[in-house]
């Protein structure tokens, strides 16, 4: 057995044993809310897993949760983030850098919109409802430079490092044909035992490992291994370095201190989901009793219970003087059950943030109502939104930029060796930015009304205020004139005013 392969197989088994504590809880969430997703117990494809589902509130609610989250953070065919110059970039160079980065951002999102990002991130958001989503971002071909893959949670084992951050990702790829290994790992070195299995249509399990390389100080570096679990040998080994070099993006909804895997909204709603399904099951059983009926009779020697067929038009014989079949009233209370269902369904929708969808029978919501709902959603998802910015939005863009730079498709400017920063401009981020806009607007209104426009003009730099508001509104940098253009326009306006004899206030 290879030494490196042996080392990581042992660490993988240890991390997987730790994950087993979570499997029963996660499996219940998948069973009741995501029956179409792959199970932790690796059931055969096409096998039904909806035997315990009698109410679709959780199933539909999880789909709505993923769609709502996608439209709020990474909406389709929209520019949901900007590349901007960081605060460490000198002020005199910042505008020039921002203009260049705006063009880079446009190209990055053109690549994203032409890729399979939207489909795959939606799949990952459904796993996020359980707690943890995993995206694999790899190089594509000449037509599609980047490909995304949503990795099911049962296929991935995670581990943390000394800084309590995820630094080990183990991906188990089952039923991989030996003949496909040279295609998957073209630069791999295959053991003779692996080569002997090729051409016989045999399958194996491949363990992919990406771990942080702490030997590289003051830089982000990783080690990427692929191990054949049949022969226990190393198939592929590669060193990765740089921001965005990690192909796996693991993002969590929420987490408790000391835990590796995230806790999603489905965990909070699991009790209500199980109660709702049990209630519906009891209602259906009661309904069956009400329709079919329960009967009692005297043993008159004529009616045989084994031969009775209670269907319309049937004739059941009975003895003279016998009471025959007597129906028994059902004991169930449908009205009480409906009250329980209403409360439980509301709890499920509230846990999945689907209680703000509004009444479909109403007229369409106005732009103000939509903005208020988005702001309310932003407040309720505040902590989770911040974590998704750090673990999803920024890593995705960093990974895309890393691949495009590697392929020579883009050039990202750096100043003094500093990389740029990622600023989210998604609808949820915009809802949070609206608070800053409202604060500035109230200040301008109050100051102008209290002290007059002269004080306001003396106090406020109108040009910088307009630029600040434009950035908060998410206006692209390409629509804002740069400083040189603004100076030229101001000079032209001054010349026209002088020609017309209008006095010009001299700047101090």
Protein backbone atom coordinates (compact mmCIF):
# COMPACT_ATOMS: atom_id res chain seq x y z
CA UNK A 1 0.00 0.00 0.00
CA UNK A 2 1.22 3.45 -0.92
CA UNK A 3 2.38 5.47 2.10
CA UNK A 4 0.49 8.64 1.12
CA UNK A 5 -2.58 6.62 0.12
CA UNK A 6 -2.51 4.76 3.42
CA UNK A 7 -2.19 7.99 5.38
CA UNK A 8 -5.19 9.67 3.78
CA UNK A 9 -7.35 6.54 3.77
CA UNK A 10 -6.89 6.34 7.54
CA UNK A 11 -7.68 10.03 8.03
CA UNK A 12 -10.71 9.64 5.75
CA UNK A 13 -12.06 6.71 7.77
CA UNK A 14 -11.59 8.69 10.98
CA UNK A 15 -13.43 11.72 9.60
CA UNK A 16 -16.18 9.49 8.19
CA UNK A 17 -16.65 7.80 11.57
CA UNK A 18 -17.16 11.23 13.10
CA UNK A 19 -19.74 12.05 10.43
CA UNK A 20 -21.74 8.97 11.37
CA UNK A 21 -23.05 10.89 14.39
CA UNK A 22 -24.83 13.22 11.99
CA UNK A 23 -26.08 10.67 9.47
CA UNK A 24 -29.37 9.65 11.22
CA UNK A 25 -30.37 13.32 11.63
CA UNK A 26 -29.44 14.27 8.08
CA UNK A 27 -31.12 11.16 6.68
CA UNK A 28 -34.43 12.07 8.31
CA UNK A 29 -34.28 15.50 6.65
CA UNK A 30 -33.63 13.92 3.26
CA UNK A 31 -36.35 11.33 3.82
CA UNK A 32 -39.08 13.83 4.71
CA UNK A 33 -38.11 16.89 2.65
CA UNK A 34 -35.71 15.80 -0.12
CA UNK A 35 -36.69 12.28 -1.18
CA UNK A 36 -35.32 12.88 -4.69
CA UNK A 37 -31.79 13.48 -3.39
CA UNK A 38 -29.32 10.66 -2.87
CA UNK A 39 -29.43 8.87 0.45
CA UNK A 40 -26.57 8.35 2.89
CA UNK A 41 -27.25 4.64 2.65
CA UNK A 42 -26.56 4.53 -1.10
CA UNK A 43 -29.87 3.10 -2.22
CA UNK A 44 -30.21 2.05 -5.80
CA UNK A 45 -31.13 4.67 -8.36
CA UNK A 46 -34.84 4.97 -9.03
CA UNK A 47 -35.86 3.46 -5.69
CA UNK A 48 -38.84 5.20 -4.07
CA UNK A 49 -38.13 7.01 -0.82
CA UNK A 50 -41.45 8.77 -0.26
CA UNK A 51 -43.24 6.13 1.79
CA UNK A 52 -43.25 8.36 4.89
CA UNK A 53 -44.41 11.49 3.06
CA UNK A 54 -48.13 12.21 3.46
CA UNK A 55 -47.83 16.01 3.31
CA UNK A 56 -45.84 17.92 0.67
CA UNK A 57 -45.38 21.14 2.65
CA UNK A 58 -41.73 20.39 3.48
CA UNK A 59 -40.93 19.04 -0.01
CA UNK A 60 -42.38 22.07 -1.79
CA UNK A 61 -41.06 24.42 0.91
CA UNK A 62 -37.48 23.21 0.43
CA UNK A 63 -37.73 23.83 -3.31
CA UNK A 64 -39.08 27.32 -2.59
CA UNK A 65 -36.30 27.91 -0.07
CA UNK A 66 -33.62 27.05 -2.62
CA UNK A 67 -35.24 29.19 -5.31
CA UNK A 68 -35.73 32.14 -2.96
CA UNK A 69 -32.14 31.91 -1.74
CA UNK A 70 -30.83 31.75 -5.29
CA UNK A 71 -32.86 34.77 -6.41
CA UNK A 72 -31.71 36.71 -3.35
CA UNK A 73 -27.98 35.92 -3.40
CA UNK A 74 -26.96 34.68 -6.89
CA UNK A 75 -29.89 35.50 -9.23
CA UNK A 76 -29.86 34.09 -12.74
CA UNK A 77 -28.52 36.28 -15.56
CA UNK A 78 -27.77 39.11 -13.17
CA UNK A 79 -24.60 40.73 -11.88
CA UNK A 80 -24.72 39.81 -8.20
CA UNK A 81 -21.19 40.92 -7.22
CA UNK A 82 -18.58 43.50 -8.15
CA UNK A 83 -14.81 43.40 -8.18
CA UNK A 84 -13.58 46.60 -6.57
CA UNK A 85 -10.31 48.06 -5.43
CA UNK A 86 -9.69 47.40 -1.78
CA UNK A 87 -9.06 50.00 0.88
CA UNK A 88 -5.33 49.32 0.67
CA UNK A 89 -5.20 50.62 -2.90
CA UNK A 90 -4.07 54.27 -2.97
CA UNK A 91 -6.92 56.73 -3.41
CA UNK A 92 -5.42 58.30 -6.52
CA UNK A 93 -5.33 54.90 -8.26
CA UNK A 94 -8.62 53.53 -7.03
CA UNK A 95 -10.87 54.98 -9.73
CA UNK A 96 -8.63 53.75 -12.54
CA UNK A 97 -8.47 50.26 -11.02
CA UNK A 98 -12.26 50.19 -10.56
CA UNK A 99 -12.82 50.99 -14.25
CA UNK A 100 -10.61 48.09 -15.32
CA UNK A 101 -12.21 45.76 -12.78
CA UNK A 102 -15.66 46.65 -14.08
CA UNK A 103 -14.73 45.21 -17.49
CA UNK A 104 -13.29 42.11 -15.82
CA UNK A 105 -16.51 41.69 -13.81
CA UNK A 106 -18.61 41.89 -16.98
CA UNK A 107 -16.58 39.09 -18.59
CA UNK A 108 -16.65 36.94 -15.43
CA UNK A 109 -20.44 37.09 -15.29
CA UNK A 110 -20.70 36.43 -19.00
CA UNK A 111 -18.80 33.18 -18.39
CA UNK A 112 -20.97 32.37 -15.35
CA UNK A 113 -24.23 32.98 -17.24
CA UNK A 114 -23.10 30.71 -20.09
CA UNK A 115 -22.09 27.93 -17.70
CA UNK A 116 -24.18 25.48 -15.66
CA UNK A 117 -23.74 27.52 -12.48
CA UNK A 118 -27.45 28.33 -12.01
CA UNK A 119 -28.56 24.70 -12.19
CA UNK A 120 -25.84 23.35 -9.94
CA UNK A 121 -26.01 26.05 -7.27
CA UNK A 122 -29.76 25.42 -6.95
CA UNK A 123 -29.02 21.76 -6.24
CA UNK A 124 -26.47 22.79 -3.61
CA UNK A 125 -28.98 25.17 -2.01
CA UNK A 126 -31.31 22.23 -1.43
CA UNK A 127 -28.50 20.46 0.42
CA UNK A 128 -27.93 23.74 2.27
CA UNK A 129 -31.46 23.43 3.66
CA UNK A 130 -30.11 20.43 5.57
CA UNK A 131 -27.01 22.35 6.61
CA UNK A 132 -24.10 22.05 4.15
CA UNK A 133 -23.76 22.58 0.40
CA UNK A 134 -20.76 21.59 -1.72
CA UNK A 135 -19.83 22.90 -5.16
CA UNK A 136 -16.95 21.61 -7.25
CA UNK A 137 -15.59 24.18 -9.72
CA UNK A 138 -13.26 22.80 -12.39
CA UNK A 139 -11.78 23.80 -15.71
CA UNK A 140 -13.93 23.11 -18.74
CA UNK A 141 -13.18 23.19 -22.43
CA UNK A 142 -12.81 25.89 -25.07
CA UNK A 143 -16.57 26.39 -25.32
CA UNK A 144 -17.30 26.26 -21.60
CA UNK A 145 -14.22 27.41 -19.70
CA UNK A 146 -15.68 26.50 -16.31
CA UNK A 147 -17.92 23.65 -15.15
CA UNK A 148 -19.78 23.40 -11.85
CA UNK A 149 -20.86 20.23 -10.07
CA UNK A 150 -23.16 20.04 -7.05
CA UNK A 151 -21.72 17.27 -4.90
CA UNK A 152 -24.34 15.45 -2.78
CA UNK A 153 -23.60 15.63 0.93
CA UNK A 154 -23.48 11.80 1.29
CA UNK A 155 -20.50 11.76 -1.10
CA UNK A 156 -18.38 14.20 0.92
CA UNK A 157 -16.62 13.97 4.27
CA UNK A 158 -15.24 17.15 5.85
CA UNK A 159 -12.61 17.85 8.47
CA UNK A 160 -11.21 20.98 10.07
CA UNK A 161 -7.70 22.22 10.81
CA UNK A 162 -6.01 24.11 13.62
CA UNK A 163 -7.92 27.33 12.86
CA UNK A 164 -11.31 25.53 13.02
CA UNK A 165 -11.83 26.09 9.29
CA UNK A 166 -12.60 23.33 6.80
CA UNK A 167 -9.20 22.30 5.45
CA UNK A 168 -9.83 18.66 4.40
CA UNK A 169 -12.41 17.63 1.79
CA UNK A 170 -12.81 13.92 1.00
CA UNK A 171 -14.94 13.05 -2.02
CA UNK A 172 -15.87 9.44 -2.63
CA UNK A 173 -16.58 8.68 -6.30
CA UNK A 174 -18.23 5.28 -6.65
CA UNK A 175 -18.55 3.01 -9.70
CA UNK A 176 -15.72 4.61 -11.65
CA UNK A 177 -14.52 2.47 -14.56
CA UNK A 178 -10.81 1.75 -14.67
CA UNK A 179 -10.85 2.69 -18.36
CA UNK A 180 -11.99 6.22 -17.45
CA UNK A 181 -9.11 6.91 -15.06
CA UNK A 182 -6.68 8.20 -17.77
CA UNK A 183 -9.39 10.60 -18.95
CA UNK A 184 -10.15 11.84 -15.44
CA UNK A 185 -6.48 12.17 -14.48
CA UNK A 186 -4.46 12.69 -17.68
CA UNK A 187 -1.31 13.58 -15.74
CA UNK A 188 -1.67 10.67 -13.30
CA UNK A 189 0.82 7.89 -12.71
CA UNK A 190 -0.91 4.52 -12.56
CA UNK A 191 0.35 1.49 -10.68
CA UNK A 192 0.71 -1.80 -12.53
CA UNK A 193 -2.20 -3.22 -10.53
CA UNK A 194 -4.38 -0.39 -11.84
CA UNK A 195 -3.22 -0.87 -15.43
CA UNK A 196 -4.00 -4.59 -15.23
CA UNK A 197 -7.66 -3.82 -14.48
CA UNK A 198 -8.15 -1.70 -17.60
CA UNK A 199 -9.92 -3.10 -20.61
CA UNK A 200 -12.03 -5.51 -18.55
CA UNK A 201 -14.95 -3.12 -17.88
CA UNK A 202 -14.23 -3.24 -14.16
CA UNK A 203 -15.22 -0.54 -11.68
CA UNK A 204 -13.61 0.94 -8.59
CA UNK A 205 -14.09 3.67 -6.00
CA UNK A 206 -11.89 6.75 -6.19
CA UNK A 207 -11.19 8.85 -3.12
CA UNK A 208 -10.34 12.46 -3.97
CA UNK A 209 -8.65 14.49 -1.24
CA UNK A 210 -8.01 18.22 -1.12
CA UNK A 211 -6.22 19.41 2.01
CA UNK A 212 -4.55 22.62 3.12
CA UNK A 213 -0.76 22.67 2.85
CA UNK A 214 0.38 24.40 6.02
CA UNK A 215 4.04 24.07 5.08
CA UNK A 216 3.59 27.02 2.72
CA UNK A 217 3.71 30.02 5.00
CA UNK A 218 1.82 33.25 4.25
CA UNK A 219 0.06 31.84 1.21
CA UNK A 220 -2.97 29.76 0.33
CA UNK A 221 -1.82 26.34 -0.85
CA UNK A 222 -3.44 22.90 -1.14
CA UNK A 223 -2.55 19.29 -1.95
CA UNK A 224 -4.81 17.38 -4.34
CA UNK A 225 -4.73 13.56 -4.31
CA UNK A 226 -6.74 10.82 -6.02
CA UNK A 227 -6.58 7.33 -4.51
CA UNK A 228 -7.83 4.05 -5.97
CA UNK A 229 -9.65 2.27 -3.14
CA UNK A 230 -9.40 -1.13 -4.86
CA UNK A 231 -5.61 -1.21 -5.08
CA UNK A 232 -4.96 1.33 -2.25
CA UNK A 233 -2.57 3.22 -4.54
CA UNK A 234 -2.13 6.85 -5.55
CA UNK A 235 -3.54 7.81 -8.94
CA UNK A 236 -2.96 11.54 -9.01
CA UNK A 237 -0.98 14.08 -7.02
CA UNK A 238 -0.86 17.83 -7.54
CA UNK A 239 0.07 20.98 -5.63
CA UNK A 240 -2.32 23.92 -5.81
CA UNK A 241 -1.43 27.46 -4.77
CA UNK A 242 -3.08 30.86 -4.87
CA UNK A 243 -6.41 32.36 -3.89
CA UNK A 244 -9.15 30.31 -5.53
CA UNK A 245 -7.01 27.24 -6.18
CA UNK A 246 -9.25 24.94 -4.08
CA UNK A 247 -11.81 23.30 -6.43
CA UNK A 248 -14.24 22.51 -3.58
CA UNK A 249 -16.45 25.23 -2.14
CA UNK A 250 -18.15 24.18 1.09
CA UNK A 251 -20.71 26.55 2.52
CA UNK A 252 -22.90 26.17 5.60
CA UNK A 253 -26.15 27.76 6.69
CA UNK A 254 -25.31 27.92 10.37
CA UNK A 255 -22.97 26.11 12.70
CA UNK A 256 -22.42 25.60 16.39
CA UNK A 257 -19.03 26.07 17.99
CA UNK A 258 -16.84 23.01 17.64
CA UNK A 259 -18.95 21.44 14.87
CA UNK A 260 -17.86 20.82 11.29
CA UNK A 261 -21.14 20.38 9.46
CA UNK A 262 -23.74 23.09 9.22
CA UNK A 263 -27.24 23.17 10.65
CA UNK A 264 -29.90 24.11 8.15
CA UNK A 265 -33.49 25.33 8.57
CA UNK A 266 -34.83 21.81 7.98
CA UNK A 267 -33.32 20.72 11.31
CA UNK A 268 -35.42 23.35 13.08
CA UNK A 269 -38.54 22.30 11.22
CA UNK A 270 -38.02 18.54 11.47
CA UNK A 271 -40.36 18.05 14.45
CA UNK A 272 -43.15 20.00 12.74
CA UNK A 273 -42.57 18.09 9.49
CA UNK A 274 -42.84 14.70 11.22
CA UNK A 275 -45.91 15.82 13.17
CA UNK A 276 -47.61 17.06 10.00
CA UNK A 277 -46.98 13.81 8.16
CA UNK A 278 -48.24 11.76 11.10
CA UNK A 279 -51.38 13.91 11.34
CA UNK A 280 -52.13 13.47 7.64
CA UNK A 281 -51.57 9.73 7.96
CA UNK A 282 -54.08 9.55 10.83
CA UNK A 283 -56.56 11.68 8.89
CA UNK A 284 -56.33 9.35 5.90
CA UNK A 285 -56.85 6.32 8.12
CA UNK A 286 -59.85 8.01 9.72
CA UNK A 287 -61.20 8.95 6.30
CA UNK A 288 -60.88 5.36 5.15
CA UNK A 289 -62.84 4.25 8.20
CA UNK A 290 -65.48 6.87 7.51
CA UNK A 291 -65.84 5.80 3.89
CA UNK A 292 -65.68 2.04 4.41
CA UNK A 293 -67.33 2.05 7.83
CA UNK A 294 -66.91 -0.17 10.87
CA UNK A 295 -69.73 -2.55 11.67
CA UNK A 296 -70.88 -4.88 14.42
CA UNK A 297 -73.39 -7.73 14.25
CA UNK A 298 -74.95 -10.57 16.17
CA UNK A 299 -73.61 -14.02 15.49
CA UNK A 300 -76.74 -15.42 13.87
CA UNK A 301 -75.01 -18.15 11.94
CA UNK A 302 -76.05 -16.65 8.61
CA UNK A 303 -73.74 -13.67 8.04
CA UNK A 304 -70.17 -14.76 7.49
CA UNK A 305 -67.69 -11.87 8.04
CA UNK A 306 -65.18 -13.52 5.73
CA UNK A 307 -67.50 -13.36 2.76
CA UNK A 308 -69.01 -9.89 3.24
CA UNK A 309 -68.25 -7.48 0.39
CA UNK A 310 -69.33 -3.93 1.29
CA UNK A 311 -69.89 -2.48 -2.19
CA UNK A 312 -72.87 -0.53 -3.60
CA UNK A 313 -75.73 -2.79 -4.68
CA UNK A 314 -74.64 -5.78 -2.61
CA UNK A 315 -77.27 -7.89 -0.79
CA UNK A 316 -76.28 -9.30 2.59
CA UNK A 317 -78.53 -12.08 3.98
CA UNK A 318 -79.48 -12.21 7.67
CA UNK A 319 -81.52 -14.45 9.96
CA UNK A 320 -85.07 -13.64 11.00
CA UNK A 321 -85.06 -11.30 14.02
CA UNK A 322 -81.38 -10.55 13.68
CA UNK A 323 -80.19 -6.95 13.96
CA UNK A 324 -77.84 -7.46 11.01
CA UNK A 325 -74.91 -5.14 10.43
CA UNK A 326 -74.84 -2.02 12.64
CA UNK A 327 -72.40 0.81 11.77
CA UNK A 328 -70.10 2.20 14.48
CA UNK A 329 -69.42 5.91 14.53
CA UNK A 330 -65.82 6.90 13.86
CA UNK A 331 -63.97 8.43 16.79
CA UNK A 332 -61.80 10.86 14.79
CA UNK A 333 -62.25 14.66 14.81
CA UNK A 334 -61.32 16.18 11.47
CA UNK A 335 -61.75 19.75 12.72
CA UNK A 336 -59.20 19.28 15.51
CA UNK A 337 -56.74 17.67 13.10
CA UNK A 338 -57.08 20.60 10.69
CA UNK A 339 -56.19 23.04 13.47
CA UNK A 340 -53.03 21.07 14.23
CA UNK A 341 -52.15 20.95 10.54
CA UNK A 342 -52.57 24.70 10.07
CA UNK A 343 -50.18 25.45 12.93
CA UNK A 344 -47.61 22.88 11.86
CA UNK A 345 -47.63 23.95 8.21
CA UNK A 346 -47.18 27.57 9.23
CA UNK A 347 -44.22 26.59 11.42
CA UNK A 348 -42.63 24.73 8.50
CA UNK A 349 -43.07 27.69 6.14
CA UNK A 350 -41.70 30.07 8.76
CA UNK A 351 -38.64 27.87 9.35
CA UNK A 352 -37.95 27.75 5.60
CA UNK A 353 -38.54 31.51 5.18
CA UNK A 354 -41.52 30.86 2.91
CA UNK A 355 -44.12 32.67 5.00
CA UNK A 356 -43.44 35.95 3.20
CA UNK A 357 -44.51 34.87 -0.24
CA UNK A 358 -47.79 36.67 0.12
CA UNK A 359 -51.29 35.67 -0.93
CA UNK A 360 -51.39 34.40 -4.52
CA UNK A 361 -55.01 35.58 -4.83
CA UNK A 362 -53.99 39.20 -4.23
CA UNK A 363 -52.96 41.69 -6.84
CA UNK A 364 -49.25 41.64 -7.67
CA UNK A 365 -47.07 43.33 -5.08
CA UNK A 366 -45.71 46.79 -5.79
CA UNK A 367 -42.00 47.56 -6.00
CA UNK A 368 -42.14 49.08 -2.52
CA UNK A 369 -43.77 45.94 -1.08
CA UNK A 370 -41.17 43.74 -2.76
CA UNK A 371 -38.36 45.90 -1.35
CA UNK A 372 -39.87 45.77 2.15
CA UNK A 373 -40.21 41.97 1.99
CA UNK A 374 -36.63 41.64 0.79
CA UNK A 375 -35.46 43.91 3.61
CA UNK A 376 -37.40 41.82 6.14
CA UNK A 377 -35.91 38.64 4.69
CA UNK A 378 -32.46 40.21 4.89
CA UNK A 379 -32.93 40.99 8.57
CA UNK A 380 -34.15 37.48 9.38
CA UNK A 381 -31.32 35.84 7.45
CA UNK A 382 -28.66 38.24 8.65
CA UNK A 383 -26.24 35.76 10.22
CA UNK A 384 -26.69 33.12 7.52
CA UNK A 385 -26.37 35.75 4.78
CA UNK A 386 -23.02 36.91 6.16
CA UNK A 387 -21.73 33.34 6.29
CA UNK A 388 -22.84 32.67 2.69
CA UNK A 389 -21.01 35.80 1.56
CA UNK A 390 -17.80 34.50 3.12
CA UNK A 391 -18.17 30.81 2.20
CA UNK A 392 -19.98 30.94 -1.16
CA UNK A 393 -20.03 34.28 -2.99
CA UNK A 394 -16.39 35.26 -2.51
CA UNK A 395 -14.92 31.75 -3.03
CA UNK A 396 -16.95 31.21 -6.22
CA UNK A 397 -15.71 34.43 -7.80
CA UNK A 398 -12.16 33.84 -6.56
CA UNK A 399 -12.22 30.35 -8.08
CA UNK A 400 -13.63 31.61 -11.40
CA UNK A 401 -11.02 34.38 -11.57
CA UNK A 402 -8.28 31.86 -10.72
CA UNK A 403 -9.30 29.57 -13.61
CA UNK A 404 -9.78 32.40 -16.13
CA UNK A 405 -6.38 33.89 -15.20
CA UNK A 406 -4.80 30.45 -15.55
CA UNK A 407 -6.33 30.09 -19.01
CA UNK A 408 -5.09 33.56 -19.99
CA UNK A 409 -8.61 34.90 -20.60
CA UNK A 410 -8.42 37.83 -18.14
CA UNK A 411 -5.86 40.03 -16.44
CA UNK A 412 -6.72 41.32 -13.00
CA UNK A 413 -4.83 44.48 -12.05
CA UNK A 414 -2.94 44.50 -8.79
CA UNK A 415 -1.46 47.43 -6.93
CA UNK A 416 1.59 46.73 -4.82
CA UNK A 417 0.82 43.03 -5.15
CA UNK A 418 -2.63 43.42 -3.52
CA UNK A 419 -5.59 41.50 -4.90
CA UNK A 420 -8.96 43.11 -5.30
CA UNK A 421 -11.96 42.53 -3.06
CA UNK A 422 -15.41 41.13 -3.87
CA UNK A 423 -18.47 43.24 -3.08
CA UNK A 424 -21.92 41.64 -3.22
CA UNK A 425 -24.64 43.55 -5.07
CA UNK A 426 -27.30 40.82 -4.90
CA UNK A 427 -30.92 41.69 -4.02
CA UNK A 428 -30.35 40.70 -0.38
CA UNK A 429 -27.18 42.78 -0.23
CA UNK A 430 -29.08 45.64 -1.87
CA UNK A 431 -31.74 45.36 0.82
CA UNK A 432 -29.06 45.84 3.44
CA UNK A 433 -27.53 48.72 1.47
CA UNK A 434 -30.93 50.44 1.38
CA UNK A 435 -30.54 51.13 5.09
CA UNK A 436 -27.42 53.21 4.31
CA UNK A 437 -29.27 54.98 1.51
CA UNK A 438 -32.18 55.79 3.84
CA UNK A 439 -29.79 57.15 6.47
CA UNK A 440 -28.11 59.49 3.96
CA UNK A 441 -31.48 60.58 2.55
CA UNK A 442 -32.86 61.37 6.02
CA UNK A 443 -29.71 63.30 6.90
CA UNK A 444 -29.89 65.40 3.72
CA UNK A 445 -33.58 66.07 4.21
CA UNK A 446 -33.26 67.00 7.88
CA UNK A 447 -30.15 69.15 7.42
CA UNK A 448 -31.66 71.05 4.49
CA UNK A 449 -34.95 71.63 6.29
CA UNK A 450 -33.30 72.70 9.57
CA UNK A 451 -30.28 74.74 8.50
CA UNK A 452 -31.12 75.63 4.95
CA UNK A 453 -29.65 74.66 1.57
CA UNK A 454 -26.63 76.96 2.06
CA UNK A 455 -25.41 74.96 5.07
CA UNK A 456 -26.12 71.71 3.26
CA UNK A 457 -24.13 72.85 0.20
CA UNK A 458 -21.26 73.95 2.45
CA UNK A 459 -21.22 70.70 4.40
CA UNK A 460 -21.84 68.05 1.72
CA UNK A 461 -19.70 67.17 -1.28
CA UNK A 462 -22.47 66.65 -3.81
CA UNK A 463 -20.24 64.83 -6.30
CA UNK A 464 -18.94 62.29 -3.78
CA UNK A 465 -22.42 61.87 -2.31
CA UNK A 466 -23.82 61.02 -5.74
CA UNK A 467 -21.01 58.50 -6.32
CA UNK A 468 -21.65 56.95 -2.89
CA UNK A 469 -25.38 56.56 -3.62
CA UNK A 470 -24.66 55.14 -7.09
CA UNK A 471 -22.46 52.41 -5.58
CA UNK A 472 -25.07 51.62 -2.92
CA UNK A 473 -27.71 51.29 -5.64
CA UNK A 474 -25.42 48.92 -7.55
CA UNK A 475 -24.91 51.19 -10.56
CA UNK A 476 -22.16 49.75 -12.83
CA UNK A 477 -18.89 51.64 -12.89
CA UNK A 478 -19.16 51.96 -16.68
CA UNK A 479 -22.16 54.30 -16.28
CA UNK A 480 -20.32 56.71 -14.01
CA UNK A 481 -17.99 59.25 -15.57
CA UNK A 482 -14.43 59.12 -14.31
CA UNK A 483 -12.71 62.04 -12.64
CA UNK A 484 -11.04 63.28 -15.84
CA UNK A 485 -14.35 63.36 -17.73
CA UNK A 486 -16.03 65.21 -14.86
CA UNK A 487 -13.25 67.84 -14.90
CA UNK A 488 -13.62 68.35 -18.65
CA UNK A 489 -17.39 68.78 -18.37
CA UNK A 490 -16.96 71.20 -15.47
CA UNK A 491 -14.42 73.22 -17.47
CA UNK A 492 -16.76 73.39 -20.48
CA UNK A 493 -19.63 74.49 -18.25
CA UNK A 494 -17.42 77.19 -16.73
CA UNK A 495 -16.43 78.50 -20.17
CA UNK A 496 -20.06 78.65 -21.30
CA UNK A 497 -21.03 80.46 -18.12
CA UNK A 498 -18.22 83.00 -18.59
CA UNK A 499 -19.26 83.65 -22.16
CA UNK A 500 -22.82 84.29 -20.98
CA UNK A 501 -21.62 86.61 -18.26
CA UNK A 502 -22.69 84.43 -15.35
CA UNK A 503 -20.44 84.89 -12.27
CA UNK A 504 -18.53 81.77 -11.27
CA UNK A 505 -17.75 80.96 -7.66
CA UNK A 506 -14.03 80.42 -7.23
CA UNK A 507 -12.92 77.35 -5.35
CA UNK A 508 -10.81 78.07 -2.27
